Every structure is written in C-alpha cells, then in structure tokens.
Amino acid sequence: MGQKIAVLDYGMGNLRSVSKAIEHVAPDAEVRVTDDHQWIKAADRVVFPGQGAARDCMAAIGRHHLNREVREAMQSKPFLGICMGLQVLMEFSEENHGTGLLGIFPGRVQRFAADMPGDDGLPLKIPHMGWSRVKQRRPHPLWDGIEDGARFYFVHSYHVVPEDEELVAATTDYGVEFVSAISRGKLFAVQFHPEKSADAGLRLLKNFVSWEPS
C-alpha cells in the first residue's frame, strides 16, 4: 500500500467525488474519507473539501472536533483546501452579517455584488457557476502541466480577500478579479472544484499527491 490520504469528513462537502478523483490519480494510495483524529494525524496528505454556508461549515468542524487537526495538518504535511476549504482559512465571512472562521490568514470572505455586468451588459448570475479561466500568478508545483488560463469549474457566491498579496497563487475574472487560489508552505487551497474540472483538475490533484514541499 502506498501513501495515506485523508479527505476530511465533517458532514459537508462533495466528499465522494473528491475521494474518487484522488483514487483515480493515485491508485496505489489509501484514500479515506474520515473524521478519525488518529488517522488524520497518520496520513501523509490531507484534503479539506467543502461547500455550503460558512456558519454551517464552522459548526460542523466544531461538532467533529477537527479545528486542531486542520491547523496541525496544514503545518506538518501537504494540505489541499477546496472551495469552502479555502474560505474558512480567512478570519471572517460577510455571510449571515458576519461569521467567524478559522483565522489561519488575515482576510475576509465577501459576496459578489448583485449588479456586476457581464460582457453582454446584463447582470452576472450569482452564484458564479460554471467554467472560468484561472490565471496563475506565480509558479507552483501544483500548476505543473497545467496551461496558464486553463478553465476550472466553480460554484460559489463568496470569494476570499486575503490581506497578504504574497498568498495569492491565482486569480479569476467574474465581474471582478478575485483570488481563486492561495499557497504558503505546505498549504495550497483553491476556490474551484478540481474534482469536477476534467483534465486540468485531475492534473492538479495528481500534482498534489506527488508534491513534496520542503
């Protein structure tokens, strides 16, 4: 058996499709959807998927007692956040008149404006749902083999606004230019869904399972 990859199970997120996509690119790995603290600590890599409301996500993390495990994992081993797994890394979300998040990085999560015009002059639909180009802002091993400007699949109404520009690994245009990926140390987190993003998404996941950050 190869490496152990933990997909965090806190009762929210598209866990099955994420785990199946990782199994596809890492057939020799043991991929487990789990909230078992010991297994997470023993895993070689951790994936933190998520979708839905920020307040519900934070409550679910608390119910599963995963706050410490998330913090320790992102410091000690390759860690991939997906969608809400990116947003909860900020300090707070504007959702529900303000929701406290994990506060790993200074910054906020804000909603897209309701009146952003599209190329046709009509208001863009919120949530942002569909394929959009991801502009790589700096080199990173997870971009290997992925064309700059490749399309990935998004489903979200909120986006992160980190205070530290050096965190930004990619941006995307949807009415405004927003941050669609961040990275620091052993952590990489994306707003899009690589498990739903065809070849580019599978390549990013494949890069993640072979990534050996210093």
N, C-alpha and C. Protein backbone atom coordinates (compact mmCIF):
# COMPACT_ATOMS: atom_id res chain seq x y z
N MET A 1 0.84 -1.19 0.00
CA MET A 1 0.00 0.00 0.00
C MET A 1 0.88 1.24 0.00
N GLY A 2 0.48 2.25 -0.78
CA GLY A 2 1.24 3.49 -0.86
C GLY A 2 0.88 4.44 0.26
N GLN A 3 0.92 5.70 -0.04
CA GLN A 3 0.69 6.72 0.97
C GLN A 3 -0.77 6.77 1.42
N LYS A 4 -0.97 7.35 2.59
CA LYS A 4 -2.32 7.53 3.13
C LYS A 4 -2.76 8.97 2.87
N ILE A 5 -3.97 9.12 2.31
CA ILE A 5 -4.52 10.44 2.03
C ILE A 5 -5.86 10.56 2.72
N ALA A 6 -5.97 11.52 3.63
CA ALA A 6 -7.20 11.74 4.37
C ALA A 6 -8.03 12.83 3.72
N VAL A 7 -9.29 12.53 3.42
CA VAL A 7 -10.26 13.52 2.97
C VAL A 7 -11.14 13.82 4.18
N LEU A 8 -11.06 15.03 4.70
CA LEU A 8 -11.71 15.35 5.96
C LEU A 8 -13.23 15.26 5.84
N ASP A 9 -13.81 14.50 6.73
CA ASP A 9 -15.26 14.29 6.75
C ASP A 9 -15.84 15.01 7.96
N TYR A 10 -16.47 16.15 7.71
CA TYR A 10 -17.15 16.85 8.80
C TYR A 10 -18.63 17.03 8.47
N GLY A 11 -19.12 16.16 7.58
CA GLY A 11 -20.54 16.14 7.27
C GLY A 11 -20.97 17.11 6.20
N MET A 12 -20.02 17.79 5.55
CA MET A 12 -20.36 18.73 4.49
C MET A 12 -19.36 18.56 3.34
N GLY A 13 -19.79 18.85 2.13
CA GLY A 13 -18.87 18.82 1.01
C GLY A 13 -19.12 17.63 0.10
N ASN A 14 -18.57 17.74 -1.08
CA ASN A 14 -18.75 16.71 -2.11
C ASN A 14 -17.67 15.65 -1.91
N LEU A 15 -17.79 14.91 -0.80
CA LEU A 15 -16.69 14.06 -0.36
C LEU A 15 -16.44 12.88 -1.28
N ARG A 16 -17.50 12.26 -1.76
CA ARG A 16 -17.32 11.06 -2.58
C ARG A 16 -16.63 11.39 -3.90
N SER A 17 -17.05 12.45 -4.57
CA SER A 17 -16.43 12.78 -5.85
C SER A 17 -14.98 13.20 -5.67
N VAL A 18 -14.67 13.87 -4.55
CA VAL A 18 -13.29 14.25 -4.28
C VAL A 18 -12.44 13.01 -4.05
N SER A 19 -12.92 12.10 -3.21
CA SER A 19 -12.13 10.90 -2.91
C SER A 19 -11.96 10.03 -4.15
N LYS A 20 -12.99 9.92 -4.98
CA LYS A 20 -12.89 9.11 -6.20
C LYS A 20 -11.90 9.72 -7.18
N ALA A 21 -11.89 11.03 -7.29
CA ALA A 21 -10.93 11.68 -8.19
C ALA A 21 -9.50 11.45 -7.72
N ILE A 22 -9.28 11.50 -6.40
CA ILE A 22 -7.94 11.26 -5.87
C ILE A 22 -7.54 9.81 -6.08
N GLU A 23 -8.47 8.89 -5.86
CA GLU A 23 -8.18 7.47 -6.11
C GLU A 23 -7.80 7.25 -7.57
N HIS A 24 -8.43 8.00 -8.47
CA HIS A 24 -8.14 7.85 -9.90
C HIS A 24 -6.70 8.24 -10.22
N VAL A 25 -6.22 9.33 -9.60
CA VAL A 25 -4.86 9.81 -9.92
C VAL A 25 -3.81 9.16 -9.03
N ALA A 26 -4.24 8.50 -7.95
CA ALA A 26 -3.29 7.85 -7.02
C ALA A 26 -3.80 6.45 -6.70
N PRO A 27 -3.81 5.54 -7.69
CA PRO A 27 -4.41 4.22 -7.48
C PRO A 27 -3.72 3.38 -6.41
N ASP A 28 -2.48 3.69 -6.09
CA ASP A 28 -1.76 2.92 -5.07
C ASP A 28 -1.93 3.49 -3.66
N ALA A 29 -2.60 4.63 -3.54
CA ALA A 29 -2.76 5.26 -2.24
C ALA A 29 -3.99 4.70 -1.52
N GLU A 30 -3.97 4.80 -0.21
CA GLU A 30 -5.15 4.51 0.59
C GLU A 30 -5.84 5.84 0.87
N VAL A 31 -6.97 6.05 0.21
CA VAL A 31 -7.72 7.30 0.35
C VAL A 31 -8.91 7.03 1.25
N ARG A 32 -9.02 7.78 2.32
CA ARG A 32 -10.09 7.53 3.28
C ARG A 32 -10.82 8.83 3.61
N VAL A 33 -12.15 8.82 3.47
CA VAL A 33 -12.99 9.91 3.94
C VAL A 33 -13.20 9.68 5.43
N THR A 34 -12.70 10.59 6.26
CA THR A 34 -12.64 10.27 7.69
C THR A 34 -12.67 11.51 8.57
N ASP A 35 -13.18 11.34 9.79
CA ASP A 35 -13.03 12.35 10.83
C ASP A 35 -12.26 11.77 12.01
N ASP A 36 -11.62 10.62 11.79
CA ASP A 36 -10.86 9.97 12.84
C ASP A 36 -9.54 10.73 13.06
N HIS A 37 -9.38 11.27 14.24
CA HIS A 37 -8.23 12.14 14.52
C HIS A 37 -6.90 11.41 14.36
N GLN A 38 -6.84 10.18 14.80
CA GLN A 38 -5.58 9.44 14.72
C GLN A 38 -5.22 9.13 13.27
N TRP A 39 -6.23 8.82 12.46
CA TRP A 39 -5.95 8.51 11.05
C TRP A 39 -5.49 9.78 10.32
N ILE A 40 -6.13 10.89 10.66
CA ILE A 40 -5.73 12.15 10.04
C ILE A 40 -4.28 12.49 10.40
N LYS A 41 -3.91 12.29 11.66
CA LYS A 41 -2.54 12.56 12.08
C LYS A 41 -1.54 11.65 11.38
N ALA A 42 -1.96 10.41 11.13
CA ALA A 42 -1.06 9.44 10.49
C ALA A 42 -1.01 9.59 8.97
N ALA A 43 -1.94 10.33 8.40
CA ALA A 43 -1.99 10.47 6.93
C ALA A 43 -0.78 11.22 6.41
N ASP A 44 -0.39 10.89 5.18
CA ASP A 44 0.70 11.59 4.52
C ASP A 44 0.26 12.92 3.93
N ARG A 45 -1.02 13.00 3.56
CA ARG A 45 -1.59 14.20 2.96
C ARG A 45 -3.03 14.37 3.44
N VAL A 46 -3.49 15.62 3.44
CA VAL A 46 -4.85 15.90 3.89
C VAL A 46 -5.54 16.80 2.86
N VAL A 47 -6.78 16.44 2.54
CA VAL A 47 -7.61 17.24 1.65
C VAL A 47 -8.81 17.73 2.44
N PHE A 48 -9.09 19.02 2.37
CA PHE A 48 -10.18 19.65 3.11
C PHE A 48 -11.18 20.22 2.11
N PRO A 49 -12.16 19.40 1.69
CA PRO A 49 -13.19 19.89 0.76
C PRO A 49 -14.32 20.57 1.52
N GLY A 50 -15.22 21.19 0.82
CA GLY A 50 -16.36 21.79 1.50
C GLY A 50 -17.21 22.59 0.55
N GLN A 51 -18.48 22.70 0.90
CA GLN A 51 -19.40 23.54 0.16
C GLN A 51 -20.55 23.89 1.09
N GLY A 52 -21.31 24.93 0.72
CA GLY A 52 -22.41 25.34 1.57
C GLY A 52 -22.11 26.62 2.31
N ALA A 53 -22.83 26.84 3.41
CA ALA A 53 -22.73 28.09 4.16
C ALA A 53 -21.58 28.05 5.15
N ALA A 54 -20.93 29.22 5.32
CA ALA A 54 -19.77 29.31 6.20
C ALA A 54 -20.14 28.97 7.64
N ARG A 55 -21.27 29.49 8.13
CA ARG A 55 -21.65 29.23 9.52
C ARG A 55 -21.89 27.75 9.75
N ASP A 56 -22.57 27.09 8.79
CA ASP A 56 -22.81 25.65 8.92
C ASP A 56 -21.50 24.88 8.89
N CYS A 57 -20.57 25.32 8.04
CA CYS A 57 -19.27 24.65 7.93
C CYS A 57 -18.51 24.75 9.24
N MET A 58 -18.47 25.94 9.82
CA MET A 58 -17.73 26.12 11.08
C MET A 58 -18.38 25.31 12.20
N ALA A 59 -19.71 25.27 12.22
CA ALA A 59 -20.39 24.48 13.24
C ALA A 59 -20.08 23.00 13.08
N ALA A 60 -20.02 22.53 11.83
CA ALA A 60 -19.74 21.11 11.57
C ALA A 60 -18.31 20.77 11.96
N ILE A 61 -17.36 21.66 11.68
CA ILE A 61 -15.97 21.43 12.10
C ILE A 61 -15.90 21.30 13.62
N GLY A 62 -16.66 22.16 14.31
CA GLY A 62 -16.69 22.09 15.76
C GLY A 62 -17.29 20.80 16.28
N ARG A 63 -18.39 20.35 15.66
CA ARG A 63 -19.04 19.11 16.11
C ARG A 63 -18.12 17.91 15.95
N HIS A 64 -17.30 17.93 14.89
CA HIS A 64 -16.39 16.82 14.64
C HIS A 64 -15.03 17.05 15.31
N HIS A 65 -14.89 18.16 16.02
CA HIS A 65 -13.66 18.46 16.78
C HIS A 65 -12.43 18.42 15.88
N LEU A 66 -12.54 19.06 14.71
CA LEU A 66 -11.46 18.99 13.74
C LEU A 66 -10.63 20.27 13.66
N ASN A 67 -10.94 21.25 14.48
CA ASN A 67 -10.22 22.52 14.40
C ASN A 67 -8.72 22.32 14.57
N ARG A 68 -8.32 21.60 15.63
CA ARG A 68 -6.89 21.39 15.87
C ARG A 68 -6.26 20.55 14.76
N GLU A 69 -6.98 19.53 14.30
CA GLU A 69 -6.43 18.65 13.26
C GLU A 69 -6.17 19.42 11.96
N VAL A 70 -7.08 20.33 11.61
CA VAL A 70 -6.89 21.14 10.41
C VAL A 70 -5.63 22.00 10.56
N ARG A 71 -5.50 22.66 11.68
CA ARG A 71 -4.35 23.54 11.89
C ARG A 71 -3.02 22.76 11.89
N GLU A 72 -3.00 21.62 12.56
CA GLU A 72 -1.78 20.83 12.62
C GLU A 72 -1.43 20.24 11.26
N ALA A 73 -2.45 19.78 10.53
CA ALA A 73 -2.19 19.15 9.23
C ALA A 73 -1.58 20.14 8.24
N MET A 74 -2.10 21.36 8.20
CA MET A 74 -1.60 22.30 7.19
C MET A 74 -0.18 22.77 7.49
N GLN A 75 0.28 22.57 8.70
CA GLN A 75 1.65 22.93 9.06
C GLN A 75 2.63 21.78 8.90
N SER A 76 2.11 20.54 8.93
CA SER A 76 3.01 19.40 9.02
C SER A 76 3.06 18.52 7.76
N LYS A 77 2.12 18.71 6.82
CA LYS A 77 2.06 17.82 5.65
C LYS A 77 1.35 18.52 4.50
N PRO A 78 1.52 18.04 3.28
CA PRO A 78 0.82 18.65 2.16
C PRO A 78 -0.69 18.69 2.41
N PHE A 79 -1.26 19.87 2.22
CA PHE A 79 -2.65 20.13 2.59
C PHE A 79 -3.33 20.85 1.43
N LEU A 80 -4.47 20.34 0.99
CA LEU A 80 -5.22 20.93 -0.12
C LEU A 80 -6.61 21.31 0.35
N GLY A 81 -6.93 22.61 0.27
CA GLY A 81 -8.27 23.09 0.57
C GLY A 81 -9.05 23.30 -0.72
N ILE A 82 -10.33 22.93 -0.71
CA ILE A 82 -11.18 23.05 -1.90
C ILE A 82 -12.45 23.80 -1.54
N CYS A 83 -12.74 24.87 -2.27
CA CYS A 83 -13.96 25.67 -2.15
C CYS A 83 -14.10 26.21 -0.73
N MET A 84 -15.03 25.71 0.07
CA MET A 84 -15.14 26.18 1.44
C MET A 84 -13.87 25.87 2.23
N GLY A 85 -13.12 24.87 1.80
CA GLY A 85 -11.84 24.55 2.41
C GLY A 85 -10.80 25.63 2.19
N LEU A 86 -11.04 26.54 1.24
CA LEU A 86 -10.24 27.76 1.10
C LEU A 86 -10.84 28.87 1.97
N GLN A 87 -12.14 29.08 1.87
CA GLN A 87 -12.75 30.24 2.52
C GLN A 87 -12.59 30.23 4.03
N VAL A 88 -12.71 29.06 4.66
CA VAL A 88 -12.64 29.03 6.14
C VAL A 88 -11.24 29.35 6.67
N LEU A 89 -10.24 29.45 5.80
CA LEU A 89 -8.90 29.80 6.25
C LEU A 89 -8.78 31.28 6.60
N MET A 90 -9.74 32.10 6.13
CA MET A 90 -9.73 33.52 6.42
C MET A 90 -10.26 33.77 7.84
N GLU A 91 -10.31 35.06 8.22
CA GLU A 91 -10.73 35.42 9.58
C GLU A 91 -12.24 35.46 9.75
N PHE A 92 -12.94 36.02 8.76
CA PHE A 92 -14.39 36.09 8.89
C PHE A 92 -15.04 36.18 7.51
N SER A 93 -16.31 35.81 7.46
CA SER A 93 -17.11 35.89 6.25
C SER A 93 -18.22 36.90 6.45
N GLU A 94 -18.58 37.62 5.40
CA GLU A 94 -19.68 38.57 5.46
C GLU A 94 -21.03 37.86 5.55
N GLU A 95 -21.04 36.56 5.32
CA GLU A 95 -22.28 35.80 5.34
C GLU A 95 -22.95 35.89 6.72
N ASN A 96 -24.29 35.94 6.72
CA ASN A 96 -25.06 36.00 7.98
C ASN A 96 -24.62 37.17 8.85
N HIS A 97 -24.31 38.31 8.21
CA HIS A 97 -23.93 39.53 8.93
C HIS A 97 -22.64 39.33 9.74
N GLY A 98 -21.84 38.38 9.30
CA GLY A 98 -20.54 38.17 9.92
C GLY A 98 -20.43 36.82 10.60
N THR A 99 -19.54 35.98 10.08
CA THR A 99 -19.30 34.65 10.62
C THR A 99 -17.81 34.48 10.85
N GLY A 100 -17.41 34.17 12.08
CA GLY A 100 -16.01 33.94 12.37
C GLY A 100 -15.53 32.64 11.75
N LEU A 101 -14.32 32.67 11.17
CA LEU A 101 -13.75 31.49 10.51
C LEU A 101 -12.51 31.04 11.28
N LEU A 102 -11.69 30.20 10.67
CA LEU A 102 -10.54 29.65 11.38
C LEU A 102 -9.45 30.68 11.65
N GLY A 103 -9.36 31.72 10.81
CA GLY A 103 -8.38 32.77 11.05
C GLY A 103 -6.95 32.34 10.85
N ILE A 104 -6.71 31.41 9.93
CA ILE A 104 -5.34 31.00 9.63
C ILE A 104 -4.58 32.14 8.97
N PHE A 105 -5.25 32.87 8.10
CA PHE A 105 -4.64 34.00 7.40
C PHE A 105 -5.51 35.25 7.58
N PRO A 106 -4.90 36.42 7.70
CA PRO A 106 -5.68 37.65 7.76
C PRO A 106 -6.44 37.86 6.45
N GLY A 107 -7.71 38.17 6.58
CA GLY A 107 -8.51 38.41 5.40
C GLY A 107 -9.96 38.07 5.64
N ARG A 108 -10.79 38.35 4.64
CA ARG A 108 -12.22 38.14 4.78
C ARG A 108 -12.77 37.39 3.57
N VAL A 109 -14.01 37.00 3.69
CA VAL A 109 -14.73 36.36 2.59
C VAL A 109 -15.93 37.25 2.28
N GLN A 110 -16.03 37.73 1.05
CA GLN A 110 -17.12 38.64 0.72
C GLN A 110 -17.94 38.12 -0.45
N ARG A 111 -19.19 38.57 -0.49
CA ARG A 111 -20.12 38.14 -1.52
C ARG A 111 -19.90 38.94 -2.80
N PHE A 112 -20.08 38.28 -3.94
CA PHE A 112 -20.09 39.00 -5.21
C PHE A 112 -21.22 40.03 -5.19
N ALA A 113 -20.97 41.20 -5.78
CA ALA A 113 -22.02 42.21 -5.89
C ALA A 113 -23.14 41.69 -6.79
N ALA A 114 -24.36 42.10 -6.49
CA ALA A 114 -25.52 41.58 -7.22
C ALA A 114 -25.68 42.20 -8.59
N ASP A 115 -25.01 43.33 -8.85
CA ASP A 115 -25.24 44.06 -10.09
C ASP A 115 -24.02 44.09 -11.00
N MET A 116 -23.14 43.11 -10.90
CA MET A 116 -21.94 43.10 -11.76
C MET A 116 -22.35 42.82 -13.21
N PRO A 117 -21.94 43.68 -14.16
CA PRO A 117 -22.32 43.45 -15.55
C PRO A 117 -21.41 42.44 -16.23
N GLY A 118 -22.01 41.61 -17.08
CA GLY A 118 -21.25 40.68 -17.90
C GLY A 118 -20.87 41.30 -19.22
N ASP A 119 -20.26 40.51 -20.09
CA ASP A 119 -19.84 41.02 -21.39
C ASP A 119 -21.02 41.51 -22.23
N ASP A 120 -22.20 40.95 -21.98
CA ASP A 120 -23.38 41.36 -22.73
C ASP A 120 -24.12 42.53 -22.09
N GLY A 121 -23.55 43.06 -21.00
CA GLY A 121 -24.17 44.18 -20.32
C GLY A 121 -25.21 43.80 -19.30
N LEU A 122 -25.64 42.55 -19.30
CA LEU A 122 -26.63 42.08 -18.34
C LEU A 122 -25.94 41.68 -17.04
N PRO A 123 -26.65 41.75 -15.92
CA PRO A 123 -26.04 41.38 -14.64
C PRO A 123 -25.58 39.92 -14.65
N LEU A 124 -24.41 39.67 -14.10
CA LEU A 124 -23.92 38.30 -13.98
C LEU A 124 -24.73 37.55 -12.93
N LYS A 125 -24.90 36.26 -13.16
CA LYS A 125 -25.65 35.44 -12.23
C LYS A 125 -24.82 35.12 -11.00
N ILE A 126 -25.45 35.18 -9.84
CA ILE A 126 -24.85 34.77 -8.59
C ILE A 126 -25.70 33.64 -8.03
N PRO A 127 -25.16 32.48 -7.72
CA PRO A 127 -23.73 32.17 -7.64
C PRO A 127 -23.03 32.09 -8.99
N HIS A 128 -21.74 32.33 -8.93
CA HIS A 128 -20.86 32.07 -10.07
C HIS A 128 -20.80 30.55 -10.24
N MET A 129 -21.36 30.07 -11.32
CA MET A 129 -21.46 28.62 -11.53
C MET A 129 -21.06 28.29 -12.96
N GLY A 130 -19.99 27.51 -13.11
CA GLY A 130 -19.56 27.11 -14.43
C GLY A 130 -18.05 27.21 -14.58
N TRP A 131 -17.61 27.20 -15.83
CA TRP A 131 -16.18 27.14 -16.15
C TRP A 131 -15.62 28.54 -16.33
N SER A 132 -14.50 28.81 -15.68
CA SER A 132 -13.81 30.10 -15.81
C SER A 132 -12.31 29.88 -15.84
N ARG A 133 -11.63 30.84 -16.45
CA ARG A 133 -10.18 30.73 -16.58
C ARG A 133 -9.47 31.09 -15.27
N VAL A 134 -8.43 30.35 -14.98
CA VAL A 134 -7.63 30.58 -13.77
C VAL A 134 -6.26 31.09 -14.21
N LYS A 135 -5.94 32.31 -13.79
CA LYS A 135 -4.67 32.95 -14.15
C LYS A 135 -3.65 32.67 -13.06
N GLN A 136 -2.62 31.95 -13.40
CA GLN A 136 -1.57 31.61 -12.43
C GLN A 136 -0.72 32.84 -12.15
N ARG A 137 -0.63 33.22 -10.89
CA ARG A 137 0.10 34.43 -10.52
C ARG A 137 1.56 34.19 -10.22
N ARG A 138 1.92 32.94 -9.96
CA ARG A 138 3.33 32.61 -9.73
C ARG A 138 3.51 31.11 -9.90
N PRO A 139 4.73 30.68 -10.18
CA PRO A 139 4.95 29.24 -10.36
C PRO A 139 4.68 28.47 -9.07
N HIS A 140 4.21 27.25 -9.23
CA HIS A 140 3.99 26.37 -8.09
C HIS A 140 3.94 24.95 -8.62
N PRO A 141 4.45 23.96 -7.86
CA PRO A 141 4.42 22.58 -8.34
C PRO A 141 3.02 22.08 -8.71
N LEU A 142 1.97 22.62 -8.09
CA LEU A 142 0.63 22.15 -8.42
C LEU A 142 0.14 22.65 -9.77
N TRP A 143 0.84 23.64 -10.35
CA TRP A 143 0.50 24.10 -11.69
C TRP A 143 1.24 23.33 -12.78
N ASP A 144 2.12 22.43 -12.42
CA ASP A 144 2.91 21.72 -13.43
C ASP A 144 2.00 21.03 -14.44
N GLY A 145 2.26 21.27 -15.72
CA GLY A 145 1.50 20.62 -16.77
C GLY A 145 0.13 21.23 -17.02
N ILE A 146 -0.20 22.31 -16.33
CA ILE A 146 -1.49 22.98 -16.49
C ILE A 146 -1.25 24.34 -17.16
N GLU A 147 -1.89 24.55 -18.27
CA GLU A 147 -1.72 25.79 -19.03
C GLU A 147 -2.23 26.98 -18.22
N ASP A 148 -1.47 28.07 -18.24
CA ASP A 148 -1.94 29.30 -17.61
C ASP A 148 -3.21 29.76 -18.32
N GLY A 149 -4.26 30.02 -17.55
CA GLY A 149 -5.54 30.38 -18.15
C GLY A 149 -6.44 29.19 -18.40
N ALA A 150 -6.04 28.00 -17.94
CA ALA A 150 -6.89 26.82 -18.10
C ALA A 150 -8.21 27.04 -17.36
N ARG A 151 -9.26 26.40 -17.85
CA ARG A 151 -10.58 26.55 -17.25
C ARG A 151 -10.80 25.51 -16.15
N PHE A 152 -11.37 25.97 -15.06
CA PHE A 152 -11.78 25.11 -13.96
C PHE A 152 -13.24 25.40 -13.62
N TYR A 153 -13.85 24.46 -12.89
CA TYR A 153 -15.28 24.56 -12.60
C TYR A 153 -15.51 25.18 -11.23
N PHE A 154 -16.37 26.21 -11.19
CA PHE A 154 -16.68 26.95 -9.97
C PHE A 154 -18.15 26.84 -9.61
N VAL A 155 -18.43 26.86 -8.30
CA VAL A 155 -19.79 27.03 -7.78
C VAL A 155 -19.66 27.80 -6.47
N HIS A 156 -19.91 29.11 -6.48
CA HIS A 156 -19.77 29.89 -5.24
C HIS A 156 -20.39 31.27 -5.40
N SER A 157 -20.81 31.82 -4.27
CA SER A 157 -21.36 33.17 -4.21
C SER A 157 -20.42 34.13 -3.49
N TYR A 158 -19.43 33.57 -2.78
CA TYR A 158 -18.48 34.35 -1.99
C TYR A 158 -17.06 34.05 -2.46
N HIS A 159 -16.17 35.00 -2.22
CA HIS A 159 -14.76 34.81 -2.59
C HIS A 159 -13.86 35.39 -1.52
N VAL A 160 -12.64 34.88 -1.44
CA VAL A 160 -11.71 35.33 -0.40
C VAL A 160 -11.01 36.62 -0.80
N VAL A 161 -10.73 37.43 0.21
CA VAL A 161 -9.95 38.66 0.04
C VAL A 161 -8.84 38.64 1.09
N PRO A 162 -7.74 37.94 0.82
CA PRO A 162 -6.64 37.88 1.79
C PRO A 162 -5.91 39.22 1.86
N GLU A 163 -5.43 39.56 3.05
CA GLU A 163 -4.69 40.81 3.20
C GLU A 163 -3.29 40.72 2.63
N ASP A 164 -2.70 39.53 2.65
CA ASP A 164 -1.33 39.34 2.19
C ASP A 164 -1.32 38.95 0.72
N GLU A 165 -0.86 39.84 -0.13
CA GLU A 165 -0.81 39.58 -1.57
C GLU A 165 0.10 38.41 -1.90
N GLU A 166 1.08 38.14 -1.05
CA GLU A 166 2.02 37.06 -1.32
C GLU A 166 1.36 35.69 -1.22
N LEU A 167 0.18 35.61 -0.63
CA LEU A 167 -0.56 34.35 -0.57
C LEU A 167 -1.13 33.95 -1.93
N VAL A 168 -1.37 34.94 -2.79
CA VAL A 168 -2.16 34.71 -4.00
C VAL A 168 -1.40 33.86 -5.00
N ALA A 169 -2.00 32.73 -5.37
CA ALA A 169 -1.40 31.84 -6.36
C ALA A 169 -2.13 31.91 -7.70
N ALA A 170 -3.38 32.40 -7.69
CA ALA A 170 -4.14 32.50 -8.94
C ALA A 170 -5.31 33.44 -8.74
N THR A 171 -5.76 34.05 -9.85
CA THR A 171 -6.95 34.88 -9.83
C THR A 171 -7.85 34.50 -10.99
N THR A 172 -9.09 34.91 -10.90
CA THR A 172 -10.10 34.63 -11.93
C THR A 172 -10.98 35.86 -12.08
N ASP A 173 -11.44 36.11 -13.30
CA ASP A 173 -12.34 37.23 -13.57
C ASP A 173 -13.78 36.75 -13.62
N TYR A 174 -14.62 37.38 -12.80
CA TYR A 174 -16.07 37.19 -12.90
C TYR A 174 -16.72 38.48 -12.40
N GLY A 175 -16.83 39.44 -13.30
CA GLY A 175 -17.29 40.76 -12.92
C GLY A 175 -16.19 41.57 -12.27
N VAL A 176 -15.47 40.94 -11.36
CA VAL A 176 -14.28 41.50 -10.74
C VAL A 176 -13.19 40.43 -10.79
N GLU A 177 -11.96 40.85 -10.60
CA GLU A 177 -10.88 39.88 -10.46
C GLU A 177 -10.83 39.43 -9.01
N PHE A 178 -11.01 38.13 -8.77
CA PHE A 178 -11.00 37.62 -7.41
C PHE A 178 -9.93 36.55 -7.26
N VAL A 179 -9.53 36.29 -6.03
CA VAL A 179 -8.50 35.30 -5.73
C VAL A 179 -9.11 33.91 -5.82
N SER A 180 -8.54 33.06 -6.68
CA SER A 180 -9.08 31.71 -6.86
C SER A 180 -8.15 30.63 -6.37
N ALA A 181 -6.95 30.99 -5.90
CA ALA A 181 -6.04 30.02 -5.27
C ALA A 181 -5.04 30.76 -4.42
N ILE A 182 -4.68 30.15 -3.28
CA ILE A 182 -3.64 30.68 -2.43
C ILE A 182 -2.66 29.56 -2.10
N SER A 183 -1.46 29.94 -1.71
CA SER A 183 -0.49 28.93 -1.28
C SER A 183 0.50 29.55 -0.31
N ARG A 184 0.93 28.72 0.62
CA ARG A 184 2.02 29.08 1.53
C ARG A 184 2.52 27.81 2.19
N GLY A 185 3.81 27.60 2.14
CA GLY A 185 4.40 26.43 2.77
C GLY A 185 3.83 25.14 2.22
N LYS A 186 3.24 24.34 3.09
CA LYS A 186 2.71 23.04 2.70
C LYS A 186 1.24 23.12 2.29
N LEU A 187 0.69 24.33 2.28
CA LEU A 187 -0.74 24.51 2.00
C LEU A 187 -0.98 25.07 0.61
N PHE A 188 -1.99 24.51 -0.05
CA PHE A 188 -2.48 25.04 -1.33
C PHE A 188 -4.00 24.95 -1.24
N ALA A 189 -4.70 26.01 -1.58
CA ALA A 189 -6.16 26.00 -1.47
C ALA A 189 -6.77 26.72 -2.66
N VAL A 190 -7.87 26.18 -3.17
CA VAL A 190 -8.48 26.69 -4.40
C VAL A 190 -9.98 26.93 -4.20
N GLN A 191 -10.51 27.91 -4.92
CA GLN A 191 -11.95 28.18 -4.87
C GLN A 191 -12.72 27.24 -5.80
N PHE A 192 -12.09 26.81 -6.87
CA PHE A 192 -12.75 25.93 -7.84
C PHE A 192 -12.75 24.49 -7.36
N HIS A 193 -13.43 23.65 -8.12
CA HIS A 193 -13.54 22.22 -7.78
C HIS A 193 -12.69 21.39 -8.75
N PRO A 194 -11.48 21.01 -8.37
CA PRO A 194 -10.66 20.21 -9.29
C PRO A 194 -11.30 18.87 -9.62
N GLU A 195 -12.06 18.31 -8.68
CA GLU A 195 -12.70 17.01 -8.93
C GLU A 195 -13.78 17.08 -9.99
N LYS A 196 -14.20 18.30 -10.37
CA LYS A 196 -15.22 18.49 -11.40
C LYS A 196 -14.65 19.20 -12.63
N SER A 197 -13.32 19.32 -12.69
CA SER A 197 -12.69 20.17 -13.70
C SER A 197 -11.93 19.40 -14.77
N ALA A 198 -12.40 18.20 -15.07
CA ALA A 198 -11.86 17.42 -16.20
C ALA A 198 -10.34 17.28 -16.10
N ASP A 199 -9.64 17.34 -17.24
CA ASP A 199 -8.22 17.02 -17.27
C ASP A 199 -7.37 17.96 -16.42
N ALA A 200 -7.68 19.25 -16.45
CA ALA A 200 -6.89 20.21 -15.67
C ALA A 200 -7.04 19.93 -14.18
N GLY A 201 -8.25 19.61 -13.76
CA GLY A 201 -8.48 19.32 -12.35
C GLY A 201 -7.78 18.05 -11.90
N LEU A 202 -7.85 17.02 -12.74
CA LEU A 202 -7.17 15.76 -12.41
C LEU A 202 -5.66 15.96 -12.36
N ARG A 203 -5.14 16.79 -13.25
CA ARG A 203 -3.70 17.05 -13.24
C ARG A 203 -3.30 17.77 -11.94
N LEU A 204 -4.12 18.72 -11.50
CA LEU A 204 -3.80 19.40 -10.25
C LEU A 204 -3.81 18.42 -9.08
N LEU A 205 -4.79 17.52 -9.04
CA LEU A 205 -4.83 16.52 -7.98
C LEU A 205 -3.64 15.57 -8.06
N LYS A 206 -3.26 15.20 -9.27
CA LYS A 206 -2.10 14.33 -9.44
C LYS A 206 -0.83 15.04 -8.96
N ASN A 207 -0.72 16.32 -9.28
CA ASN A 207 0.41 17.10 -8.79
C ASN A 207 0.42 17.14 -7.27
N PHE A 208 -0.75 17.26 -6.67
CA PHE A 208 -0.83 17.33 -5.21
C PHE A 208 -0.34 16.04 -4.56
N VAL A 209 -0.75 14.90 -5.08
CA VAL A 209 -0.39 13.64 -4.42
C VAL A 209 1.10 13.32 -4.59
N SER A 210 1.78 13.99 -5.50
CA SER A 210 3.23 13.78 -5.64
C SER A 210 4.05 14.97 -5.13
N TRP A 211 3.38 16.00 -4.64
CA TRP A 211 4.04 17.22 -4.17
C TRP A 211 4.82 16.94 -2.89
N GLU A 212 6.07 17.37 -2.87
CA GLU A 212 6.91 17.21 -1.69
C GLU A 212 7.46 18.57 -1.27
N PRO A 213 6.62 19.36 -0.57
CA PRO A 213 7.10 20.69 -0.14
C PRO A 213 8.19 20.57 0.92
N SER A 214 9.08 21.53 0.94
CA SER A 214 10.18 21.50 1.90
C SER A 214 9.70 21.95 3.27
